Structures are given as C-alpha cells and as structure tokens.
Amino acid sequence: MADFICSDSRGIIVTTNKIALPSDMDTIEKYIKESDNINSNNVLPSQLPQSKSYLKILGIPYLTSNTFSPITHNQVEEVIKRTYLFNDITLASRPCIIKAFPKSDMAVIWIDI
C-alpha cells in the first residue's frame, strides 16, 4: 500500500511507511510495464533511494500570530510551495514540528525531501 505517489519527467516516486521488499519493487515495475501509456522499453529497473535529505529549519515562531495556536504542518507546506528555493522539490513526509524548548516560543521544523 502506497502513502504517496508522484510522477514527473524523470520517474515515479512511491512513498510508504513500511520497508519495501524486492517483491514489492517487482510488482510496481510489472504494473508500470503493463500500462498502456508507457513504452516498456523505456522502463528502467526500480530501485530504493540510496540516501535521504532532511532540512532543519530554526527560528520559526511556534504560535501563529493571529490565533495563538501552534503552527501546523499544513501552514509549513503552504509556505514551502510559495518559496522559490523549494521549486521542484517533493516532500517525502509531513513536516515534523516541535517546540525548541518547553518554555520557548520558537519551533524547530524537520522536512524530509
């Protein structure tokens, strides 16, 4: 079962919360090759990512100024979409937001790209 599927001109990204098995990779590859819209000669063997990239953002207020409620992952994702620095970047999972310190009003955000 996939949590997220994204395709672009370079390939297809499938994200799950479980570790993929070789049989899972074979199933995905077989499905793609049997698709009517794809030339099976152009399909490269599927592979797992070799590394992950994380971005840690510091100095963001933990509470929103207009409601004084904690910042949400939806708000973080909206800002990311509007920032040119993140063009052509797909989030692999929801941003993780925590308070920097229990008595602090600043947040630390981790983004898995």
N, C-alpha and C. Protein backbone atom coordinates (compact mmCIF):
# COMPACT_ATOMS: atom_id res chain seq x y z
N MET A 1 0.85 -1.17 0.00
CA MET A 1 0.00 0.00 0.00
C MET A 1 0.90 1.24 0.00
N ALA A 2 0.64 2.16 -0.88
CA ALA A 2 1.44 3.38 -1.00
C ALA A 2 0.76 4.53 -0.27
N ASP A 3 1.57 5.37 0.40
CA ASP A 3 1.06 6.56 1.06
C ASP A 3 1.05 7.75 0.10
N PHE A 4 1.98 7.74 -0.85
CA PHE A 4 2.14 8.89 -1.75
C PHE A 4 2.76 8.41 -3.04
N ILE A 5 2.22 8.87 -4.17
CA ILE A 5 2.79 8.56 -5.48
C ILE A 5 2.90 9.86 -6.27
N CYS A 6 4.07 10.10 -6.84
CA CYS A 6 4.31 11.32 -7.61
C CYS A 6 5.10 10.93 -8.86
N SER A 7 4.69 11.49 -10.01
CA SER A 7 5.44 11.22 -11.23
C SER A 7 5.87 12.53 -11.86
N ASP A 8 7.01 12.49 -12.52
CA ASP A 8 7.49 13.64 -13.28
C ASP A 8 8.25 13.11 -14.48
N SER A 9 8.95 13.99 -15.19
CA SER A 9 9.65 13.57 -16.41
C SER A 9 10.82 12.62 -16.13
N ARG A 10 11.31 12.58 -14.89
CA ARG A 10 12.45 11.73 -14.55
C ARG A 10 12.06 10.36 -14.03
N GLY A 11 10.82 10.23 -13.52
CA GLY A 11 10.43 8.94 -12.99
C GLY A 11 9.23 9.03 -12.08
N ILE A 12 9.04 7.99 -11.30
CA ILE A 12 7.92 7.88 -10.37
C ILE A 12 8.48 7.69 -8.97
N ILE A 13 7.89 8.40 -8.00
CA ILE A 13 8.27 8.27 -6.60
C ILE A 13 7.09 7.65 -5.86
N VAL A 14 7.35 6.55 -5.15
CA VAL A 14 6.34 5.89 -4.35
C VAL A 14 6.84 5.89 -2.91
N THR A 15 6.04 6.43 -1.99
CA THR A 15 6.42 6.52 -0.59
C THR A 15 5.49 5.65 0.25
N THR A 16 6.07 4.86 1.14
CA THR A 16 5.31 4.03 2.07
C THR A 16 5.88 4.20 3.48
N ASN A 17 5.14 3.74 4.46
CA ASN A 17 5.63 3.77 5.83
C ASN A 17 6.31 2.47 6.22
N LYS A 18 6.32 1.52 5.30
CA LYS A 18 6.95 0.23 5.55
C LYS A 18 8.16 0.07 4.64
N ILE A 19 9.08 -0.77 5.05
CA ILE A 19 10.26 -1.05 4.24
C ILE A 19 9.84 -1.86 3.03
N ALA A 20 10.26 -1.42 1.85
CA ALA A 20 9.90 -2.12 0.61
C ALA A 20 10.72 -3.40 0.47
N LEU A 21 10.06 -4.44 0.06
CA LEU A 21 10.71 -5.72 -0.21
C LEU A 21 11.01 -5.82 -1.70
N PRO A 22 11.95 -6.67 -2.10
CA PRO A 22 12.20 -6.85 -3.54
C PRO A 22 10.94 -7.24 -4.31
N SER A 23 10.07 -8.04 -3.69
CA SER A 23 8.83 -8.44 -4.38
C SER A 23 7.92 -7.22 -4.60
N ASP A 24 7.94 -6.26 -3.68
CA ASP A 24 7.16 -5.02 -3.86
C ASP A 24 7.69 -4.24 -5.06
N MET A 25 8.98 -4.16 -5.19
CA MET A 25 9.60 -3.44 -6.30
C MET A 25 9.26 -4.13 -7.63
N ASP A 26 9.27 -5.47 -7.62
CA ASP A 26 8.92 -6.22 -8.83
C ASP A 26 7.47 -5.98 -9.23
N THR A 27 6.58 -5.92 -8.25
CA THR A 27 5.16 -5.68 -8.52
C THR A 27 4.95 -4.31 -9.15
N ILE A 28 5.60 -3.29 -8.61
CA ILE A 28 5.49 -1.94 -9.15
C ILE A 28 6.03 -1.89 -10.57
N GLU A 29 7.20 -2.48 -10.79
CA GLU A 29 7.81 -2.47 -12.11
C GLU A 29 6.92 -3.19 -13.13
N LYS A 30 6.35 -4.33 -12.75
CA LYS A 30 5.47 -5.09 -13.64
C LYS A 30 4.23 -4.26 -13.99
N TYR A 31 3.65 -3.61 -13.02
CA TYR A 31 2.46 -2.78 -13.24
C TYR A 31 2.76 -1.65 -14.22
N ILE A 32 3.89 -0.99 -14.03
CA ILE A 32 4.26 0.13 -14.91
C ILE A 32 4.50 -0.36 -16.33
N LYS A 33 5.20 -1.47 -16.48
CA LYS A 33 5.49 -2.00 -17.82
C LYS A 33 4.22 -2.43 -18.56
N GLU A 34 3.20 -2.86 -17.82
CA GLU A 34 1.95 -3.30 -18.44
C GLU A 34 0.99 -2.15 -18.71
N SER A 35 1.33 -0.96 -18.30
CA SER A 35 0.47 0.20 -18.53
C SER A 35 0.41 0.53 -20.02
N ASP A 36 -0.76 0.93 -20.50
CA ASP A 36 -0.94 1.23 -21.93
C ASP A 36 -0.20 2.49 -22.36
N ASN A 37 0.02 3.44 -21.47
CA ASN A 37 0.60 4.74 -21.82
C ASN A 37 2.12 4.78 -21.77
N ILE A 38 2.76 3.69 -21.39
CA ILE A 38 4.21 3.70 -21.18
C ILE A 38 4.87 2.68 -22.10
N ASN A 39 5.94 3.11 -22.77
CA ASN A 39 6.73 2.20 -23.59
C ASN A 39 7.61 1.37 -22.66
N SER A 40 7.37 0.08 -22.59
CA SER A 40 8.07 -0.78 -21.63
C SER A 40 9.58 -0.84 -21.88
N ASN A 41 10.02 -0.49 -23.09
CA ASN A 41 11.46 -0.47 -23.38
C ASN A 41 12.17 0.68 -22.66
N ASN A 42 11.41 1.71 -22.29
CA ASN A 42 12.00 2.87 -21.61
C ASN A 42 11.98 2.76 -20.08
N VAL A 43 11.42 1.68 -19.56
CA VAL A 43 11.32 1.50 -18.11
C VAL A 43 12.62 0.93 -17.57
N LEU A 44 13.26 1.70 -16.68
CA LEU A 44 14.49 1.23 -16.04
C LEU A 44 14.14 0.39 -14.82
N PRO A 45 15.05 -0.46 -14.37
CA PRO A 45 14.77 -1.25 -13.17
C PRO A 45 14.49 -0.35 -11.97
N SER A 46 13.53 -0.75 -11.14
CA SER A 46 13.19 0.04 -9.96
C SER A 46 14.30 -0.10 -8.91
N GLN A 47 14.42 0.94 -8.07
CA GLN A 47 15.45 0.90 -7.03
C GLN A 47 15.00 1.71 -5.83
N LEU A 48 15.55 1.37 -4.70
CA LEU A 48 15.29 2.11 -3.48
C LEU A 48 16.23 3.30 -3.41
N PRO A 49 15.82 4.38 -2.74
CA PRO A 49 16.72 5.54 -2.63
C PRO A 49 17.98 5.16 -1.85
N GLN A 50 19.07 5.76 -2.24
CA GLN A 50 20.35 5.47 -1.59
C GLN A 50 20.60 6.37 -0.39
N SER A 51 19.91 7.48 -0.32
CA SER A 51 20.07 8.39 0.82
C SER A 51 18.80 9.20 0.99
N LYS A 52 18.69 9.87 2.12
CA LYS A 52 17.57 10.76 2.39
C LYS A 52 18.14 12.14 2.68
N SER A 53 17.37 13.13 2.33
CA SER A 53 17.78 14.50 2.61
C SER A 53 16.79 15.12 3.60
N TYR A 54 17.31 15.68 4.65
CA TYR A 54 16.49 16.35 5.64
C TYR A 54 16.93 17.80 5.73
N LEU A 55 15.98 18.65 5.99
CA LEU A 55 16.26 20.06 6.19
C LEU A 55 15.72 20.44 7.55
N LYS A 56 16.54 21.07 8.36
CA LYS A 56 16.13 21.51 9.69
C LYS A 56 15.99 23.02 9.66
N ILE A 57 14.81 23.54 9.99
CA ILE A 57 14.56 24.98 9.98
C ILE A 57 14.43 25.45 11.42
N LEU A 58 15.19 26.49 11.76
CA LEU A 58 15.18 27.06 13.10
C LEU A 58 14.63 28.48 13.08
N GLY A 59 14.20 28.96 14.21
CA GLY A 59 13.82 30.36 14.34
C GLY A 59 12.44 30.69 13.82
N ILE A 60 11.54 29.73 13.76
CA ILE A 60 10.16 29.96 13.34
C ILE A 60 9.30 30.06 14.61
N PRO A 61 8.42 31.05 14.70
CA PRO A 61 7.53 31.12 15.88
C PRO A 61 6.66 29.88 16.00
N TYR A 62 6.56 29.34 17.19
CA TYR A 62 5.76 28.14 17.43
C TYR A 62 4.27 28.45 17.38
N LEU A 63 3.88 29.62 17.86
CA LEU A 63 2.48 30.02 17.86
C LEU A 63 2.21 31.00 16.72
N THR A 64 1.08 30.82 16.04
CA THR A 64 0.72 31.75 14.98
C THR A 64 0.27 33.07 15.59
N SER A 65 0.57 34.16 14.91
CA SER A 65 0.32 35.48 15.49
C SER A 65 -1.15 35.83 15.59
N ASN A 66 -1.99 35.36 14.67
CA ASN A 66 -3.38 35.77 14.71
C ASN A 66 -4.27 34.88 15.58
N THR A 67 -3.91 33.63 15.80
CA THR A 67 -4.76 32.74 16.60
C THR A 67 -4.09 32.25 17.88
N PHE A 68 -2.80 32.43 17.99
CA PHE A 68 -2.01 31.96 19.13
C PHE A 68 -2.14 30.44 19.33
N SER A 69 -2.34 29.73 18.22
CA SER A 69 -2.35 28.27 18.26
C SER A 69 -1.06 27.78 17.62
N PRO A 70 -0.63 26.56 17.93
CA PRO A 70 0.63 26.04 17.37
C PRO A 70 0.59 25.99 15.85
N ILE A 71 1.74 26.23 15.24
CA ILE A 71 1.87 26.15 13.80
C ILE A 71 1.59 24.71 13.36
N THR A 72 0.97 24.54 12.20
CA THR A 72 0.60 23.21 11.72
C THR A 72 1.44 22.83 10.50
N HIS A 73 1.46 21.54 10.20
CA HIS A 73 2.21 21.08 9.03
C HIS A 73 1.60 21.64 7.74
N ASN A 74 0.28 21.87 7.73
CA ASN A 74 -0.37 22.46 6.55
C ASN A 74 0.17 23.87 6.28
N GLN A 75 0.37 24.65 7.34
CA GLN A 75 0.91 26.00 7.17
C GLN A 75 2.35 25.95 6.65
N VAL A 76 3.13 25.03 7.16
CA VAL A 76 4.52 24.88 6.71
C VAL A 76 4.54 24.48 5.23
N GLU A 77 3.71 23.52 4.85
CA GLU A 77 3.66 23.06 3.46
C GLU A 77 3.23 24.19 2.52
N GLU A 78 2.29 25.04 2.95
CA GLU A 78 1.84 26.17 2.13
C GLU A 78 2.98 27.15 1.88
N VAL A 79 3.77 27.45 2.90
CA VAL A 79 4.90 28.36 2.75
C VAL A 79 5.95 27.75 1.82
N ILE A 80 6.19 26.46 1.96
CA ILE A 80 7.17 25.78 1.12
C ILE A 80 6.77 25.87 -0.35
N LYS A 81 5.48 25.68 -0.64
CA LYS A 81 5.00 25.73 -2.02
C LYS A 81 5.23 27.11 -2.64
N ARG A 82 5.19 28.16 -1.83
CA ARG A 82 5.32 29.53 -2.34
C ARG A 82 6.76 30.03 -2.37
N THR A 83 7.71 29.25 -1.88
CA THR A 83 9.10 29.67 -1.80
C THR A 83 9.89 29.11 -2.97
N TYR A 84 10.55 29.99 -3.72
CA TYR A 84 11.28 29.57 -4.92
C TYR A 84 12.39 28.57 -4.61
N LEU A 85 12.94 28.63 -3.41
CA LEU A 85 14.01 27.71 -3.02
C LEU A 85 13.57 26.25 -3.10
N PHE A 86 12.28 26.00 -2.94
CA PHE A 86 11.75 24.64 -2.92
C PHE A 86 11.08 24.24 -4.23
N ASN A 87 11.34 24.97 -5.33
CA ASN A 87 10.79 24.58 -6.63
C ASN A 87 11.29 23.19 -6.99
N ASP A 88 10.41 22.38 -7.53
CA ASP A 88 10.73 21.02 -7.99
C ASP A 88 11.19 20.10 -6.87
N ILE A 89 10.78 20.38 -5.64
CA ILE A 89 11.10 19.51 -4.51
C ILE A 89 9.81 18.90 -4.00
N THR A 90 9.82 17.60 -3.76
CA THR A 90 8.66 16.89 -3.24
C THR A 90 8.95 16.47 -1.81
N LEU A 91 8.01 16.76 -0.93
CA LEU A 91 8.16 16.33 0.46
C LEU A 91 7.89 14.83 0.55
N ALA A 92 8.77 14.11 1.21
CA ALA A 92 8.61 12.67 1.36
C ALA A 92 7.64 12.32 2.48
N SER A 93 7.46 13.23 3.42
CA SER A 93 6.51 13.03 4.51
C SER A 93 6.12 14.40 5.06
N ARG A 94 5.19 14.40 5.96
CA ARG A 94 4.75 15.66 6.57
C ARG A 94 5.89 16.27 7.38
N PRO A 95 5.96 17.60 7.42
CA PRO A 95 6.98 18.24 8.26
C PRO A 95 6.76 17.89 9.73
N CYS A 96 7.85 17.75 10.46
CA CYS A 96 7.80 17.48 11.89
C CYS A 96 8.07 18.79 12.62
N ILE A 97 7.14 19.21 13.46
CA ILE A 97 7.24 20.50 14.15
C ILE A 97 7.27 20.24 15.66
N ILE A 98 8.28 20.79 16.33
CA ILE A 98 8.35 20.69 17.78
C ILE A 98 8.74 22.06 18.35
N LYS A 99 8.46 22.25 19.62
CA LYS A 99 8.95 23.44 20.31
C LYS A 99 10.43 23.28 20.54
N ALA A 100 11.19 24.37 20.38
CA ALA A 100 12.64 24.30 20.58
C ALA A 100 12.97 23.91 22.02
N PHE A 101 12.28 24.52 22.96
CA PHE A 101 12.43 24.22 24.39
C PHE A 101 11.05 24.34 25.03
N PRO A 102 10.78 23.67 26.12
CA PRO A 102 9.44 23.73 26.72
C PRO A 102 8.93 25.15 26.98
N LYS A 103 9.79 26.06 27.42
CA LYS A 103 9.34 27.42 27.74
C LYS A 103 9.59 28.40 26.60
N SER A 104 10.01 27.91 25.44
CA SER A 104 10.32 28.75 24.29
C SER A 104 9.08 28.98 23.43
N ASP A 105 9.09 30.07 22.67
CA ASP A 105 8.02 30.31 21.70
C ASP A 105 8.52 30.06 20.28
N MET A 106 9.66 29.40 20.13
CA MET A 106 10.23 29.11 18.82
C MET A 106 10.07 27.63 18.48
N ALA A 107 9.94 27.36 17.18
CA ALA A 107 9.76 25.99 16.70
C ALA A 107 11.01 25.51 15.95
N VAL A 108 11.16 24.21 15.89
CA VAL A 108 12.14 23.54 15.04
C VAL A 108 11.33 22.67 14.10
N ILE A 109 11.61 22.79 12.80
CA ILE A 109 10.86 22.05 11.79
C ILE A 109 11.84 21.20 11.00
N TRP A 110 11.52 19.89 10.87
CA TRP A 110 12.31 18.99 10.03
C TRP A 110 11.48 18.68 8.81
N ILE A 111 12.12 18.79 7.64
CA ILE A 111 11.46 18.49 6.38
C ILE A 111 12.24 17.39 5.69
N ASP A 112 11.55 16.33 5.34
CA ASP A 112 12.13 15.18 4.64
C ASP A 112 11.84 15.36 3.15
N ILE A 113 12.91 15.62 2.35
CA ILE A 113 12.71 15.88 0.92
C ILE A 113 13.31 14.77 0.09
